[in-house]
PDB file of N, CA and C in Angstrom:
ATOM      1  N   UNK A   1      59.594  76.535 -25.224  1.00  0.00           N
ATOM      2  CA  UNK A   1      59.102  77.075 -23.982  1.00  0.00           C
ATOM      3  C   UNK A   1      60.239  77.623 -23.114  1.00  0.00           C
ATOM      4  N   UNK A   2      61.344  76.858 -23.042  1.00  0.00           N
ATOM      5  CA  UNK A   2      62.494  77.282 -22.261  1.00  0.00           C
ATOM      6  C   UNK A   2      63.103  78.560 -22.829  1.00  0.00           C
ATOM      7  N   UNK A   3      63.146  78.663 -24.143  1.00  0.00           N
ATOM      8  CA  UNK A   3      63.691  79.871 -24.778  1.00  0.00           C
ATOM      9  C   UNK A   3      62.843  81.095 -24.447  1.00  0.00           C
ATOM     10  N   UNK A   4      61.543  80.933 -24.391  1.00  0.00           N
ATOM     11  CA  UNK A   4      60.646  82.044 -24.040  1.00  0.00           C
ATOM     12  C   UNK A   4      60.917  82.483 -22.608  1.00  0.00           C
ATOM     13  N   UNK A   5      61.055  81.525 -21.709  1.00  0.00           N
ATOM     14  CA  UNK A   5      61.335  81.840 -20.307  1.00  0.00           C
ATOM     15  C   UNK A   5      62.674  82.567 -20.172  1.00  0.00           C
ATOM     16  N   UNK A   6      63.688  82.078 -20.876  1.00  0.00           N
ATOM     17  CA  UNK A   6      65.010  82.704 -20.801  1.00  0.00           C
ATOM     18  C   UNK A   6      64.987  84.114 -21.399  1.00  0.00           C
ATOM     19  N   UNK A   7      64.219  84.305 -22.454  1.00  0.00           N
ATOM     20  CA  UNK A   7      64.094  85.647 -23.042  1.00  0.00           C
ATOM     21  C   UNK A   7      63.459  86.601 -22.031  1.00  0.00           C
ATOM     22  N   UNK A   8      62.443  86.147 -21.324  1.00  0.00           N
ATOM     23  CA  UNK A   8      61.790  86.973 -20.303  1.00  0.00           C
ATOM     24  C   UNK A   8      62.754  87.297 -19.156  1.00  0.00           C
ATOM     25  N   UNK A   9      63.534  86.316 -18.734  1.00  0.00           N
ATOM     26  CA  UNK A   9      64.518  86.544 -17.665  1.00  0.00           C
ATOM     27  C   UNK A   9      65.530  87.591 -18.119  1.00  0.00           C
ATOM     28  N   UNK A  10      66.012  87.469 -19.344  1.00  0.00           N
ATOM     29  CA  UNK A  10      66.987  88.423 -19.865  1.00  0.00           C
ATOM     30  C   UNK A  10      66.393  89.826 -19.887  1.00  0.00           C
ATOM     31  N   UNK A  11      65.182  89.952 -20.381  1.00  0.00           N
ATOM     32  CA  UNK A  11      64.528  91.263 -20.451  1.00  0.00           C
ATOM     33  C   UNK A  11      64.338  91.855 -19.048  1.00  0.00           C
ATOM     34  N   UNK A  12      64.008  91.007 -18.077  1.00  0.00           N
ATOM     35  CA  UNK A  12      63.852  91.480 -16.696  1.00  0.00           C
ATOM     36  C   UNK A  12      65.164  91.999 -16.115  1.00  0.00           C
ATOM     37  N   UNK A  13      66.266  91.420 -16.534  1.00  0.00           N
ATOM     38  CA  UNK A  13      67.576  91.799 -15.999  1.00  0.00           C
ATOM     39  C   UNK A  13      68.271  92.879 -16.830  1.00  0.00           C
ATOM     40  N   UNK A  14      67.656  93.279 -17.918  1.00  0.00           N
ATOM     41  CA  UNK A  14      68.289  94.213 -18.844  1.00  0.00           C
ATOM     42  C   UNK A  14      68.722  95.517 -18.183  1.00  0.00           C
ATOM     43  N   UNK A  15      67.917  96.046 -17.281  1.00  0.00           N
ATOM     44  CA  UNK A  15      68.244  97.313 -16.621  1.00  0.00           C
ATOM     45  C   UNK A  15      69.523  97.198 -15.784  1.00  0.00           C
ATOM     46  N   UNK A  16      69.830  96.005 -15.303  1.00  0.00           N
ATOM     47  CA  UNK A  16      71.006  95.791 -14.452  1.00  0.00           C
ATOM     48  C   UNK A  16      72.066  94.932 -15.137  1.00  0.00           C
ATOM     49  N   UNK A  17      71.883  94.687 -16.422  1.00  0.00           N
ATOM     50  CA  UNK A  17      72.743  93.757 -17.147  1.00  0.00           C
ATOM     51  C   UNK A  17      74.224  94.131 -17.068  1.00  0.00           C
ATOM     52  N   UNK A  18      74.543  95.412 -17.135  1.00  0.00           N
ATOM     53  CA  UNK A  18      75.939  95.837 -17.131  1.00  0.00           C
ATOM     54  C   UNK A  18      76.661  95.436 -15.839  1.00  0.00           C
ATOM     55  N   UNK A  19      75.907  95.176 -14.766  1.00  0.00           N
ATOM     56  CA  UNK A  19      76.497  94.803 -13.484  1.00  0.00           C
ATOM     57  C   UNK A  19      76.558  93.291 -13.270  1.00  0.00           C
ATOM     58  N   UNK A  20      76.075  92.531 -14.229  1.00  0.00           N
ATOM     59  CA  UNK A  20      76.051  91.077 -14.105  1.00  0.00           C
ATOM     60  C   UNK A  20      77.229  90.446 -14.840  1.00  0.00           C
ATOM     61  N   UNK A  21      77.593  89.241 -14.408  1.00  0.00           N
ATOM     62  CA  UNK A  21      78.696  88.502 -15.022  1.00  0.00           C
ATOM     63  C   UNK A  21      78.151  87.257 -15.706  1.00  0.00           C
ATOM     64  N   UNK A  22      78.303  87.164 -17.022  1.00  0.00           N
ATOM     65  CA  UNK A  22      77.819  85.965 -17.711  1.00  0.00           C
ATOM     66  C   UNK A  22      78.719  84.758 -17.456  1.00  0.00           C
ATOM     67  N   UNK A  23      78.096  83.586 -17.379  1.00  0.00           N
ATOM     68  CA  UNK A  23      78.807  82.323 -17.178  1.00  0.00           C
ATOM     69  C   UNK A  23      78.409  81.379 -18.312  1.00  0.00           C
ATOM     70  N   UNK A  24      79.398  80.836 -18.989  1.00  0.00           N
ATOM     71  CA  UNK A  24      79.110  79.934 -20.108  1.00  0.00           C
ATOM     72  C   UNK A  24      78.608  78.583 -19.624  1.00  0.00           C
ATOM     73  N   UNK A  25      77.828  77.941 -20.468  1.00  0.00           N
ATOM     74  CA  UNK A  25      77.347  76.592 -20.233  1.00  0.00           C
ATOM     75  C   UNK A  25      78.549  75.653 -20.128  1.00  0.00           C
ATOM     76  N   UNK A  26      78.475  74.691 -19.239  1.00  0.00           N
ATOM     77  CA  UNK A  26      79.531  73.699 -19.117  1.00  0.00           C
ATOM     78  C   UNK A  26      79.692  72.977 -20.450  1.00  0.00           C
ATOM     79  N   UNK A  27      80.918  72.897 -20.921  1.00  0.00           N
ATOM     80  CA  UNK A  27      81.192  72.211 -22.183  1.00  0.00           C
ATOM     81  C   UNK A  27      81.190  73.112 -23.403  1.00  0.00           C
ATOM     82  N   UNK A  28      80.857  74.387 -23.233  1.00  0.00           N
ATOM     83  CA  UNK A  28      80.887  75.318 -24.370  1.00  0.00           C
ATOM     84  C   UNK A  28      82.343  75.600 -24.731  1.00  0.00           C
ATOM     85  N   UNK A  29      82.650  75.504 -26.019  1.00  0.00           N
ATOM     86  CA  UNK A  29      84.021  75.721 -26.497  1.00  0.00           C
ATOM     87  C   UNK A  29      84.011  76.570 -27.760  1.00  0.00           C
ATOM     88  N   UNK A  30      84.964  77.455 -27.844  1.00  0.00           N
ATOM     89  CA  UNK A  30      85.178  78.247 -29.044  1.00  0.00           C
ATOM     90  C   UNK A  30      86.348  77.625 -29.777  1.00  0.00           C
ATOM     91  N   UNK A  31      86.149  77.289 -31.046  1.00  0.00           N
ATOM     92  CA  UNK A  31      87.193  76.627 -31.825  1.00  0.00           C
ATOM     93  C   UNK A  31      87.426  77.369 -33.136  1.00  0.00           C
ATOM     94  N   UNK A  32      88.635  77.307 -33.615  1.00  0.00           N
ATOM     95  CA  UNK A  32      88.968  77.866 -34.924  1.00  0.00           C
ATOM     96  C   UNK A  32      88.935  76.700 -35.908  1.00  0.00           C
ATOM     97  N   UNK A  33      88.023  76.800 -36.891  1.00  0.00           N
ATOM     98  CA  UNK A  33      87.810  75.710 -37.845  1.00  0.00           C
ATOM     99  C   UNK A  33      87.562  76.291 -39.233  1.00  0.00           C
ATOM    100  N   UNK A  34      87.704  75.459 -40.242  1.00  0.00           N
ATOM    101  CA  UNK A  34      87.311  75.917 -41.573  1.00  0.00           C
ATOM    102  C   UNK A  34      85.784  76.013 -41.650  1.00  0.00           C
ATOM    103  N   UNK A  35      85.296  77.125 -42.179  1.00  0.00           N
ATOM    104  CA  UNK A  35      83.853  77.319 -42.363  1.00  0.00           C
ATOM    105  C   UNK A  35      83.605  77.699 -43.818  1.00  0.00           C
ATOM    106  N   UNK A  36      82.459  77.330 -44.318  1.00  0.00           N
ATOM    107  CA  UNK A  36      82.105  77.616 -45.699  1.00  0.00           C
ATOM    108  C   UNK A  36      81.618  79.055 -45.813  1.00  0.00           C
ATOM    109  N   UNK A  37      82.341  79.868 -46.585  1.00  0.00           N
ATOM    110  CA  UNK A  37      81.994  81.275 -46.778  1.00  0.00           C
ATOM    111  C   UNK A  37      82.085  81.584 -48.261  1.00  0.00           C
ATOM    112  N   UNK A  38      80.974  81.984 -48.851  1.00  0.00           N
ATOM    113  CA  UNK A  38      80.980  82.334 -50.268  1.00  0.00           C
ATOM    114  C   UNK A  38      81.434  81.204 -51.170  1.00  0.00           C
ATOM    115  N   UNK A  39      81.084  79.980 -50.827  1.00  0.00           N
ATOM    116  CA  UNK A  39      81.439  78.832 -51.654  1.00  0.00           C
ATOM    117  C   UNK A  39      82.852  78.312 -51.441  1.00  0.00           C
ATOM    118  N   UNK A  40      83.601  78.914 -50.507  1.00  0.00           N
ATOM    119  CA  UNK A  40      84.967  78.477 -50.214  1.00  0.00           C
ATOM    120  C   UNK A  40      85.132  78.265 -48.715  1.00  0.00           C
ATOM    121  N   UNK A  41      86.029  77.348 -48.370  1.00  0.00           N
ATOM    122  CA  UNK A  41      86.348  77.163 -46.962  1.00  0.00           C
ATOM    123  C   UNK A  41      87.382  78.199 -46.550  1.00  0.00           C
ATOM    124  N   UNK A  42      87.100  78.858 -45.417  1.00  0.00           N
ATOM    125  CA  UNK A  42      88.022  79.821 -44.845  1.00  0.00           C
ATOM    126  C   UNK A  42      88.047  79.574 -43.343  1.00  0.00           C
ATOM    127  N   UNK A  43      89.129  80.008 -42.691  1.00  0.00           N
ATOM    128  CA  UNK A  43      89.214  79.843 -41.250  1.00  0.00           C
ATOM    129  C   UNK A  43      88.239  80.790 -40.572  1.00  0.00           C
ATOM    130  N   UNK A  44      87.522  80.265 -39.588  1.00  0.00           N
ATOM    131  CA  UNK A  44      86.576  81.068 -38.832  1.00  0.00           C
ATOM    132  C   UNK A  44      86.435  80.502 -37.431  1.00  0.00           C
ATOM    133  N   UNK A  45      85.526  81.096 -36.668  1.00  0.00           N
ATOM    134  CA  UNK A  45      85.290  80.663 -35.287  1.00  0.00           C
ATOM    135  C   UNK A  45      83.968  79.928 -35.201  1.00  0.00           C
ATOM    136  N   UNK A  46      83.999  78.826 -34.460  1.00  0.00           N
ATOM    137  CA  UNK A  46      82.815  77.985 -34.295  1.00  0.00           C
ATOM    138  C   UNK A  46      82.621  77.735 -32.802  1.00  0.00           C
ATOM    139  N   UNK A  47      81.409  77.935 -32.342  1.00  0.00           N
ATOM    140  CA  UNK A  47      81.043  77.669 -30.953  1.00  0.00           C
ATOM    141  C   UNK A  47      80.375  76.311 -30.895  1.00  0.00           C
ATOM    142  N   UNK A  48      80.955  75.391 -30.114  1.00  0.00           N
ATOM    143  CA  UNK A  48      80.337  74.082 -29.931  1.00  0.00           C
ATOM    144  C   UNK A  48      79.848  73.978 -28.490  1.00  0.00           C
ATOM    145  N   UNK A  49      78.701  73.366 -28.329  1.00  0.00           N
ATOM    146  CA  UNK A  49      78.100  73.149 -27.017  1.00  0.00           C
ATOM    147  C   UNK A  49      77.553  71.724 -26.972  1.00  0.00           C
ATOM    148  N   UNK A  50      77.244  71.221 -25.792  1.00  0.00           N
ATOM    149  CA  UNK A  50      76.651  69.892 -25.716  1.00  0.00           C
ATOM    150  C   UNK A  50      75.351  69.785 -26.533  1.00  0.00           C
ATOM    151  N   UNK A  51      74.589  70.872 -26.616  1.00  0.00           N
ATOM    152  CA  UNK A  51      73.339  70.852 -27.381  1.00  0.00           C
ATOM    153  C   UNK A  51      73.562  71.013 -28.882  1.00  0.00           C
ATOM    154  N   UNK A  52      74.720  71.572 -29.259  1.00  0.00           N
ATOM    155  CA  UNK A  52      75.051  71.768 -30.681  1.00  0.00           C
ATOM    156  C   UNK A  52      76.491  71.322 -30.932  1.00  0.00           C
ATOM    157  N   UNK A  53      76.725  70.007 -30.899  1.00  0.00           N
ATOM    158  CA  UNK A  53      78.089  69.505 -31.077  1.00  0.00           C
ATOM    159  C   UNK A  53      78.660  69.786 -32.472  1.00  0.00           C
ATOM    160  N   UNK A  54      77.772  70.020 -33.457  1.00  0.00           N
ATOM    161  CA  UNK A  54      78.244  70.335 -34.808  1.00  0.00           C
ATOM    162  C   UNK A  54      78.798  71.752 -34.887  1.00  0.00           C
ATOM    163  N   UNK A  55      78.439  72.575 -33.919  1.00  0.00           N
ATOM    164  CA  UNK A  55      78.971  73.935 -33.834  1.00  0.00           C
ATOM    165  C   UNK A  55      78.149  74.959 -34.595  1.00  0.00           C
ATOM    166  N   UNK A  56      78.320  76.209 -34.185  1.00  0.00           N
ATOM    167  CA  UNK A  56      77.664  77.355 -34.803  1.00  0.00           C
ATOM    168  C   UNK A  56      78.733  78.386 -35.112  1.00  0.00           C
ATOM    169  N   UNK A  57      78.758  78.836 -36.351  1.00  0.00           N
ATOM    170  CA  UNK A  57      79.747  79.841 -36.748  1.00  0.00           C
ATOM    171  C   UNK A  57      79.498  81.147 -35.997  1.00  0.00           C
ATOM    172  N   UNK A  58      80.577  81.825 -35.605  1.00  0.00           N
ATOM    173  CA  UNK A  58      80.499  83.082 -34.857  1.00  0.00           C
ATOM    174  C   UNK A  58      81.240  84.176 -35.599  1.00  0.00           C
ATOM    175  N   UNK A  59      80.757  85.394 -35.436  1.00  0.00           N
ATOM    176  CA  UNK A  59      81.486  86.545 -35.955  1.00  0.00           C
ATOM    177  C   UNK A  59      82.740  86.761 -35.107  1.00  0.00           C
ATOM    178  N   UNK A  60      83.656  87.576 -35.610  1.00  0.00           N
ATOM    179  CA  UNK A  60      84.873  87.869 -34.852  1.00  0.00           C
ATOM    180  C   UNK A  60      84.541  88.529 -33.517  1.00  0.00           C
ATOM    181  N   UNK A  61      83.572  89.453 -33.526  1.00  0.00           N
ATOM    182  CA  UNK A  61      83.200  90.138 -32.284  1.00  0.00           C
ATOM    183  C   UNK A  61      82.657  89.148 -31.256  1.00  0.00           C
ATOM    184  N   UNK A  62      81.781  88.249 -31.681  1.00  0.00           N
ATOM    185  CA  UNK A  62      81.220  87.256 -30.757  1.00  0.00           C
ATOM    186  C   UNK A  62      82.317  86.317 -30.271  1.00  0.00           C
ATOM    187  N   UNK A  63      83.245  85.950 -31.146  1.00  0.00           N
ATOM    188  CA  UNK A  63      84.349  85.079 -30.734  1.00  0.00           C
ATOM    189  C   UNK A  63      85.199  85.751 -29.659  1.00  0.00           C
ATOM    190  N   UNK A  64      85.517  87.020 -29.839  1.00  0.00           N
ATOM    191  CA  UNK A  64      86.304  87.738 -28.831  1.00  0.00           C
ATOM    192  C   UNK A  64      85.511  87.838 -27.531  1.00  0.00           C
ATOM    193  N   UNK A  65      84.223  88.162 -27.635  1.00  0.00           N
ATOM    194  CA  UNK A  65      83.363  88.241 -26.451  1.00  0.00           C
ATOM    195  C   UNK A  65      83.367  86.909 -25.703  1.00  0.00           C
ATOM    196  N   UNK A  66      83.122  85.814 -26.417  1.00  0.00           N
ATOM    197  CA  UNK A  66      83.087  84.495 -25.787  1.00  0.00           C
ATOM    198  C   UNK A  66      84.415  84.147 -25.122  1.00  0.00           C
ATOM    199  N   UNK A  67      85.506  84.526 -25.756  1.00  0.00           N
ATOM    200  CA  UNK A  67      86.826  84.196 -25.192  1.00  0.00           C
ATOM    201  C   UNK A  67      87.103  84.955 -23.897  1.00  0.00           C
ATOM    202  N   UNK A  68      86.367  86.025 -23.657  1.00  0.00           N
ATOM    203  CA  UNK A  68      86.592  86.833 -22.451  1.00  0.00           C
ATOM    204  C   UNK A  68      85.573  86.576 -21.344  1.00  0.00           C
ATOM    205  N   UNK A  69      84.573  85.781 -21.618  1.00  0.00           N
ATOM    206  CA  UNK A  69      83.584  85.457 -20.585  1.00  0.00           C
ATOM    207  C   UNK A  69      84.196  84.420 -19.646  1.00  0.00           C
ATOM    208  N   UNK A  70      84.322  84.814 -18.368  1.00  0.00           N
ATOM    209  CA  UNK A  70      84.968  83.942 -17.389  1.00  0.00           C
ATOM    210  C   UNK A  70      84.128  83.722 -16.133  1.00  0.00           C
ATOM    211  N   UNK A  71      82.917  84.254 -16.101  1.00  0.00           N
ATOM    212  CA  UNK A  71      82.056  84.079 -14.933  1.00  0.00           C
ATOM    213  C   UNK A  71      82.293  85.085 -13.828  1.00  0.00           C
ATOM    214  N   UNK A  72      83.333  85.908 -13.973  1.00  0.00           N
ATOM    215  CA  UNK A  72      83.654  86.926 -12.963  1.00  0.00           C
ATOM    216  C   UNK A  72      83.591  88.337 -13.529  1.00  0.00           C
ATOM    217  N   UNK A  73      83.908  88.486 -14.799  1.00  0.00           N
ATOM    218  CA  UNK A  73      83.963  89.802 -15.430  1.00  0.00           C
ATOM    219  C   UNK A  73      82.556  90.270 -15.772  1.00  0.00           C
ATOM    220  N   UNK A  74      82.228  91.485 -15.348  1.00  0.00           N
ATOM    221  CA  UNK A  74      80.880  92.010 -15.596  1.00  0.00           C
ATOM    222  C   UNK A  74      80.701  92.373 -17.072  1.00  0.00           C
ATOM    223  N   UNK A  75      79.464  92.502 -17.471  1.00  0.00           N
ATOM    224  CA  UNK A  75      79.133  92.914 -18.837  1.00  0.00           C
ATOM    225  C   UNK A  75      79.754  94.284 -19.119  1.00  0.00           C
ATOM    226  N   UNK A  76      79.702  95.199 -18.160  1.00  0.00           N
ATOM    227  CA  UNK A  76      80.286  96.534 -18.345  1.00  0.00           C
ATOM    228  C   UNK A  76      81.784  96.429 -18.622  1.00  0.00           C
ATOM    229  N   UNK A  77      82.479  95.569 -17.889  1.00  0.00           N
ATOM    230  CA  UNK A  77      83.917  95.393 -18.103  1.00  0.00           C
ATOM    231  C   UNK A  77      84.207  94.740 -19.452  1.00  0.00           C
ATOM    232  N   UNK A  78      83.385  93.767 -19.834  1.00  0.00           N
ATOM    233  CA  UNK A  78      83.562  93.124 -21.138  1.00  0.00           C
ATOM    234  C   UNK A  78      83.416  94.156 -22.263  1.00  0.00           C
ATOM    235  N   UNK A  79      82.385  94.978 -22.164  1.00  0.00           N
ATOM    236  CA  UNK A  79      82.143  95.993 -23.190  1.00  0.00           C
ATOM    237  C   UNK A  79      83.293  96.993 -23.222  1.00  0.00           C
ATOM    238  N   UNK A  80      83.735  97.439 -22.052  1.00  0.00           N
ATOM    239  CA  UNK A  80      84.841  98.410 -21.990  1.00  0.00           C
ATOM    240  C   UNK A  80      86.097  97.849 -22.645  1.00  0.00           C
ATOM    241  N   UNK A  81      86.385  96.579 -22.422  1.00  0.00           N
ATOM    242  CA  UNK A  81      87.574  95.959 -23.026  1.00  0.00           C
ATOM    243  C   UNK A  81      87.438  95.874 -24.543  1.00  0.00           C
ATOM    244  N   UNK A  82      86.238  95.568 -25.013  1.00  0.00           N
ATOM    245  CA  UNK A  82      86.020  95.479 -26.448  1.00  0.00           C
ATOM    246  C   UNK A  82      86.044  96.862 -27.108  1.00  0.00           C
ATOM    247  N   UNK A  83      85.648  97.889 -26.380  1.00  0.00           N
ATOM    248  CA  UNK A  83      85.641  99.245 -26.917  1.00  0.00           C
ATOM    249  C   UNK A  83      87.016  99.903 -26.885  1.00  0.00           C
ATOM    250  N   UNK A  84      87.916  99.367 -26.102  1.00  0.00           N
ATOM    251  CA  UNK A  84      89.236  99.967 -25.927  1.00  0.00           C
ATOM    252  C   UNK A  84      89.917 100.144 -27.291  1.00  0.00           C
ATOM    253  N   UNK A  85      90.346 101.366 -27.557  1.00  0.00           N
ATOM    254  CA  UNK A  85      91.014 101.681 -28.807  1.00  0.00           C
ATOM    255  C   UNK A  85      90.075 102.036 -29.946  1.00  0.00           C
ATOM    256  N   UNK A  86      88.773 101.940 -29.710  1.00  0.00           N
ATOM    257  CA  UNK A  86      87.796 102.292 -30.740  1.00  0.00           C
ATOM    258  C   UNK A  86      87.487 103.770 -30.696  1.00  0.00           C
ATOM    259  N   UNK A  87      87.091 104.305 -31.819  1.00  0.00           N
ATOM    260  CA  UNK A  87      86.692 105.706 -31.871  1.00  0.00           C
ATOM    261  C   UNK A  87      85.250 105.836 -31.375  1.00  0.00           C
ATOM    262  N   UNK A  88      84.894 107.035 -30.948  1.00  0.00           N
ATOM    263  CA  UNK A  88      83.593 107.304 -30.316  1.00  0.00           C
ATOM    264  C   UNK A  88      82.392 106.737 -31.084  1.00  0.00           C
ATOM    265  N   UNK A  89      82.269 106.938 -32.390  1.00  0.00           N
ATOM    266  CA  UNK A  89      81.075 106.397 -33.059  1.00  0.00           C
ATOM    267  C   UNK A  89      80.969 104.878 -32.959  1.00  0.00           C
ATOM    268  N   UNK A  90      82.106 104.196 -32.865  1.00  0.00           N
ATOM    269  CA  UNK A  90      82.090 102.737 -32.796  1.00  0.00           C
ATOM    270  C   UNK A  90      81.728 102.213 -31.419  1.00  0.00           C
ATOM    271  N   UNK A  91      81.978 102.982 -30.367  1.00  0.00           N
ATOM    272  CA  UNK A  91      81.740 102.480 -29.018  1.00  0.00           C
ATOM    273  C   UNK A  91      80.266 102.171 -28.785  1.00  0.00           C
ATOM    274  N   UNK A  92      79.384 103.035 -29.253  1.00  0.00           N
ATOM    275  CA  UNK A  92      77.948 102.778 -29.115  1.00  0.00           C
ATOM    276  C   UNK A  92      77.519 101.561 -29.905  1.00  0.00           C
ATOM    277  N   UNK A  93      78.101 101.400 -31.070  1.00  0.00           N
ATOM    278  CA  UNK A  93      77.779 100.252 -31.913  1.00  0.00           C
ATOM    279  C   UNK A  93      78.264  98.952 -31.257  1.00  0.00           C
ATOM    280  N   UNK A  94      79.452  99.002 -30.672  1.00  0.00           N
ATOM    281  CA  UNK A  94      79.984  97.823 -29.976  1.00  0.00           C
ATOM    282  C   UNK A  94      79.091  97.472 -28.797  1.00  0.00           C
ATOM    283  N   UNK A  95      78.676  98.474 -28.031  1.00  0.00           N
ATOM    284  CA  UNK A  95      77.793  98.259 -26.888  1.00  0.00           C
ATOM    285  C   UNK A  95      76.511  97.542 -27.328  1.00  0.00           C
ATOM    286  N   UNK A  96      75.873  98.051 -28.367  1.00  0.00           N
ATOM    287  CA  UNK A  96      74.623  97.453 -28.848  1.00  0.00           C
ATOM    288  C   UNK A  96      74.842  96.051 -29.412  1.00  0.00           C
ATOM    289  N   UNK A  97      75.950  95.855 -30.124  1.00  0.00           N
ATOM    290  CA  UNK A  97      76.243  94.539 -30.692  1.00  0.00           C
ATOM    291  C   UNK A  97      76.490  93.507 -29.593  1.00  0.00           C
ATOM    292  N   UNK A  98      77.224  93.909 -28.557  1.00  0.00           N
ATOM    293  CA  UNK A  98      77.502  92.998 -27.445  1.00  0.00           C
ATOM    294  C   UNK A  98      76.214  92.646 -26.710  1.00  0.00           C
ATOM    295  N   UNK A  99      75.380  93.634 -26.434  1.00  0.00           N
ATOM    296  CA  UNK A  99      74.115  93.353 -25.744  1.00  0.00           C
ATOM    297  C   UNK A  99      73.234  92.427 -26.575  1.00  0.00           C
ATOM    298  N   UNK A 100      73.187  92.647 -27.884  1.00  0.00           N
ATOM    299  CA  UNK A 100      72.413  91.771 -28.761  1.00  0.00           C
ATOM    300  C   UNK A 100      72.958  90.355 -28.765  1.00  0.00           C
ATOM    301  N   UNK A 101      74.288  90.232 -28.813  1.00  0.00           N
ATOM    302  CA  UNK A 101      74.908  88.911 -28.798  1.00  0.00           C
ATOM    303  C   UNK A 101      74.662  88.202 -27.471  1.00  0.00           C
ATOM    304  N   UNK A 102      74.769  88.944 -26.368  1.00  0.00           N
ATOM    305  CA  UNK A 102      74.524  88.346 -25.052  1.00  0.00           C
ATOM    306  C   UNK A 102      73.094  87.836 -24.940  1.00  0.00           C
ATOM    307  N   UNK A 103      72.162  88.573 -25.487  1.00  0.00           N
ATOM    308  CA  UNK A 103      70.755  88.137 -25.443  1.00  0.00           C
ATOM    309  C   UNK A 103      70.591  86.819 -26.199  1.00  0.00           C
ATOM    310  N   UNK A 104      71.133  86.749 -27.404  1.00  0.00           N
ATOM    311  CA  UNK A 104      71.024  85.517 -28.193  1.00  0.00           C
ATOM    312  C   UNK A 104      71.708  84.360 -27.469  1.00  0.00           C
ATOM    313  N   UNK A 105      72.909  84.598 -26.966  1.00  0.00           N
ATOM    314  CA  UNK A 105      73.653  83.544 -26.277  1.00  0.00           C
ATOM    315  C   UNK A 105      72.939  83.079 -25.014  1.00  0.00           C
ATOM    316  N   UNK A 106      72.305  84.007 -24.297  1.00  0.00           N
ATOM    317  CA  UNK A 106      71.568  83.632 -23.089  1.00  0.00           C
ATOM    318  C   UNK A 106      70.293  82.861 -23.447  1.00  0.00           C
ATOM    319  N   UNK A 107      69.531  83.371 -24.382  1.00  0.00           N
ATOM    320  CA  UNK A 107      68.278  82.709 -24.766  1.00  0.00           C
ATOM    321  C   UNK A 107      68.558  81.307 -25.306  1.00  0.00           C
ATOM    322  N   UNK A 108      69.650  81.142 -26.066  1.00  0.00           N
ATOM    323  CA  UNK A 108      70.012  79.830 -26.609  1.00  0.00           C
ATOM    324  C   UNK A 108      70.619  78.894 -25.571  1.00  0.00           C
ATOM    325  N   UNK A 109      70.950  79.416 -24.371  1.00  0.00           N
ATOM    326  CA  UNK A 109      71.493  78.576 -23.318  1.00  0.00           C
ATOM    327  C   UNK A 109      73.006  78.462 -23.328  1.00  0.00           C
ATOM    328  N   UNK A 110      73.682  79.159 -24.247  1.00  0.00           N
ATOM    329  CA  UNK A 110      75.149  79.141 -24.264  1.00  0.00           C
ATOM    330  C   UNK A 110      75.676  79.823 -23.009  1.00  0.00           C
ATOM    331  N   UNK A 111      75.038  80.929 -22.633  1.00  0.00           N
ATOM    332  CA  UNK A 111      75.306  81.546 -21.336  1.00  0.00           C
ATOM    333  C   UNK A 111      74.332  80.902 -20.366  1.00  0.00           C
ATOM    334  N   UNK A 112      74.876  80.142 -19.436  1.00  0.00           N
ATOM    335  CA  UNK A 112      74.046  79.394 -18.498  1.00  0.00           C
ATOM    336  C   UNK A 112      73.347  80.296 -17.496  1.00  0.00           C
ATOM    337  N   UNK A 113      74.082  81.333 -17.045  1.00  0.00           N
ATOM    338  CA  UNK A 113      73.478  82.235 -16.058  1.00  0.00           C
ATOM    339  C   UNK A 113      74.161  83.596 -16.097  1.00  0.00           C
ATOM    340  N   UNK A 114      73.473  84.559 -15.506  1.00  0.00           N
ATOM    341  CA  UNK A 114      73.978  85.916 -15.354  1.00  0.00           C
ATOM    342  C   UNK A 114      74.062  86.173 -13.858  1.00  0.00           C
ATOM    343  N   UNK A 115      75.291  86.125 -13.320  1.00  0.00           N
ATOM    344  CA  UNK A 115      75.508  86.260 -11.881  1.00  0.00           C
ATOM    345  C   UNK A 115      75.714  87.715 -11.484  1.00  0.00           C
ATOM    346  N   UNK A 116      75.397  87.998 -10.247  1.00  0.00           N
ATOM    347  CA  UNK A 116      75.734  89.318  -9.700  1.00  0.00           C
ATOM    348  C   UNK A 116      77.246  89.407  -9.612  1.00  0.00           C
ATOM    349  N   UNK A 117      77.776  90.518 -10.117  1.00  0.00           N
ATOM    350  CA  UNK A 117      79.246  90.695 -10.152  1.00  0.00           C
ATOM    351  C   UNK A 117      79.778  91.017  -8.766  1.00  0.00           C
TER     352      UNK A 117
END
């Protein structure tokens, strides 16, 4: 039920999302740990939260995004920093990937709130 409510809140704020600043849940941590990939352990990024102490594996893009969320930086600024140095075709893809990741992180409660920047 809470996930449905959070999804609705995110969708309502989507038009203004670029002007909002995401804030991580208290206790959320990004860690570099061995993760099982293709039957072998390799170094990867794991997000641990009070609700998921065992952690959830993250892609490199999500790990970089999470490391830059500070509660003050707007979504537009986060995207611009991630796009820096990318070629034009990649910038749109980065924008869409970041927005998709933010939605999942918000609905799951990893992002506690989206503040006005």
